[in-house]
Amino acid sequence: MAGEDWIELKFRLADGTDIGPSKYNQSMTVSSLKEKIISQWPKDLENIPKTVNDLKLINAGKILDNNRTLAESRLPVGELPGMIITMHVVLRPPTLDKKSEKLQNDPPMKNRCACTIL
């Protein structure tokens, strides 16, 4: 029954490429799974995640929480024994870089406030 503790997963990226399939222990957290995905991320892609917070994992339409284990996050609907489960990986856009670029390129705002009480 030790085989039931392992789950075979592959990860589909937005451009259609796959990472895996590989077997993972169901007691592994989603956060540590994301770290493994980052280490296996294709180097030829334009955007590469730097931290686990840059990624979202989606299984059966549900975004997986970093603090939960694979066993807690798993949705058994439509899964058959020995089947490879495909999870979708969404890379969050680098919003901090764009904000800092915008702040550097925009002129500083001046306070222009006028109140009229009648």
Protein backbone atom coordinates (compact mmCIF):
# COMPACT_ATOMS: atom_id res chain seq x y z
CA MET A 1 0.00 0.00 0.00
CA ALA A 2 3.04 2.31 0.00
CA GLY A 3 2.30 3.13 -3.65
CA GLU A 4 -0.82 4.99 -2.55
CA ASP A 5 1.34 7.62 -0.83
CA TRP A 6 2.75 8.70 -4.22
CA ILE A 7 1.00 10.66 -6.92
CA GLU A 8 2.19 11.13 -10.51
CA LEU A 9 1.95 14.73 -11.70
CA LYS A 10 2.89 16.77 -14.73
CA PHE A 11 2.70 20.52 -14.97
CA ARG A 12 1.39 22.37 -18.02
CA LEU A 13 2.81 25.85 -18.59
CA ALA A 14 0.93 28.65 -20.34
CA ASP A 15 2.80 28.11 -23.63
CA GLY A 16 1.74 24.43 -23.70
CA THR A 17 5.04 22.88 -22.63
CA ASP A 18 5.06 20.32 -19.85
CA ILE A 19 7.29 19.72 -16.84
CA GLY A 20 7.30 16.07 -15.84
CA PRO A 21 5.66 13.68 -15.29
CA SER A 22 7.24 12.77 -11.96
CA LYS A 23 6.06 11.04 -8.80
CA TYR A 24 5.61 13.08 -5.63
CA ASN A 25 4.75 12.10 -2.08
CA GLN A 26 1.24 13.21 -1.09
CA SER A 27 2.59 14.62 2.19
CA MET A 28 4.62 17.22 0.25
CA THR A 29 3.38 20.80 0.60
CA VAL A 30 2.31 22.82 -2.41
CA SER A 31 5.04 25.35 -1.58
CA SER A 32 7.82 22.74 -1.80
CA LEU A 33 6.24 21.41 -5.00
CA LYS A 34 6.44 24.92 -6.48
CA GLU A 35 10.15 25.04 -5.52
CA LYS A 36 10.71 21.84 -7.53
CA ILE A 37 8.84 23.35 -10.48
CA ILE A 38 11.04 26.47 -10.34
CA SER A 39 14.19 24.29 -10.35
CA GLN A 40 12.91 22.39 -13.43
CA TRP A 41 11.60 25.51 -15.24
CA PRO A 42 12.74 25.63 -18.91
CA LYS A 43 15.61 28.13 -19.17
CA ASP A 44 14.70 29.13 -22.74
CA LEU A 45 11.41 30.80 -21.69
CA GLU A 46 11.21 34.58 -21.42
CA ASN A 47 9.68 34.84 -17.94
CA ILE A 48 11.24 32.72 -15.21
CA PRO A 49 9.71 32.61 -11.70
CA LYS A 50 12.01 33.57 -8.85
CA THR A 51 9.92 32.62 -5.80
CA VAL A 52 7.02 30.31 -5.01
CA ASN A 53 4.75 33.37 -4.80
CA ASP A 54 5.35 34.00 -8.52
CA LEU A 55 3.47 30.78 -9.36
CA LYS A 56 -0.10 29.58 -9.04
CA LEU A 57 -0.90 25.87 -9.30
CA ILE A 58 -4.36 24.97 -10.54
CA ASN A 59 -5.89 21.50 -10.23
CA ALA A 60 -9.42 20.95 -11.60
CA GLY A 61 -10.11 24.69 -11.57
CA LYS A 62 -8.99 25.12 -7.95
CA ILE A 63 -5.98 27.29 -7.02
CA LEU A 64 -3.85 25.33 -4.56
CA ASP A 65 -2.84 26.91 -1.26
CA ASN A 66 0.92 26.95 -0.47
CA ASN A 67 0.46 25.70 3.12
CA ARG A 68 -1.58 22.61 2.25
CA THR A 69 -0.24 19.18 1.34
CA LEU A 70 -0.92 17.46 -1.97
CA ALA A 71 -3.24 15.02 -0.20
CA GLU A 72 -5.30 17.92 1.22
CA SER A 73 -5.35 19.77 -2.12
CA ARG A 74 -6.21 16.82 -4.31
CA LEU A 75 -9.59 16.60 -5.98
CA PRO A 76 -10.30 12.92 -6.68
CA VAL A 77 -13.08 13.61 -9.21
CA GLY A 78 -12.22 11.99 -12.55
CA GLU A 79 -8.96 10.46 -11.33
CA LEU A 80 -8.22 6.81 -11.97
CA PRO A 81 -5.56 4.73 -10.21
CA GLY A 82 -2.21 4.98 -11.99
CA MET A 83 -3.29 8.05 -13.93
CA ILE A 84 -1.01 11.08 -14.46
CA ILE A 85 -2.64 14.23 -13.10
CA THR A 86 -2.00 17.43 -15.06
CA MET A 87 -1.83 20.64 -13.05
CA HIS A 88 -1.74 24.01 -14.72
CA VAL A 89 0.97 26.48 -13.76
CA VAL A 90 0.23 30.20 -14.03
CA LEU A 91 3.08 32.66 -13.77
CA ARG A 92 2.11 35.91 -12.12
CA PRO A 93 3.18 38.96 -14.11
CA PRO A 94 6.07 40.94 -12.59
CA THR A 95 3.93 43.77 -11.21
CA LEU A 96 6.57 45.20 -8.87
CA ASP A 97 8.97 45.86 -11.75
CA LYS A 98 6.32 47.67 -13.75
CA LYS A 99 5.31 49.80 -10.77
CA SER A 100 8.88 50.82 -10.06
CA GLU A 101 9.43 51.64 -13.77
CA LYS A 102 6.26 53.70 -13.80
CA LEU A 103 7.29 55.60 -10.70
CA GLN A 104 10.68 56.41 -12.22
CA ASN A 105 9.26 57.55 -15.57
CA ASP A 106 6.34 59.62 -14.28
CA PRO A 107 6.93 63.15 -12.98
CA PRO A 108 6.23 63.57 -9.26
CA MET A 109 2.63 64.46 -8.48
CA LYS A 110 1.87 67.75 -6.79
CA ASN A 111 -0.90 68.17 -4.26
CA ARG A 112 -3.72 70.03 -5.90
CA CYS A 113 -6.59 70.00 -3.54
CA ALA A 114 -9.24 72.63 -3.28
CA CYS A 115 -12.28 72.45 -1.02
CA THR A 116 -15.24 74.76 -1.18
CA ILE A 117 -17.82 74.77 1.60
CA LEU A 118 -21.06 76.56 0.80
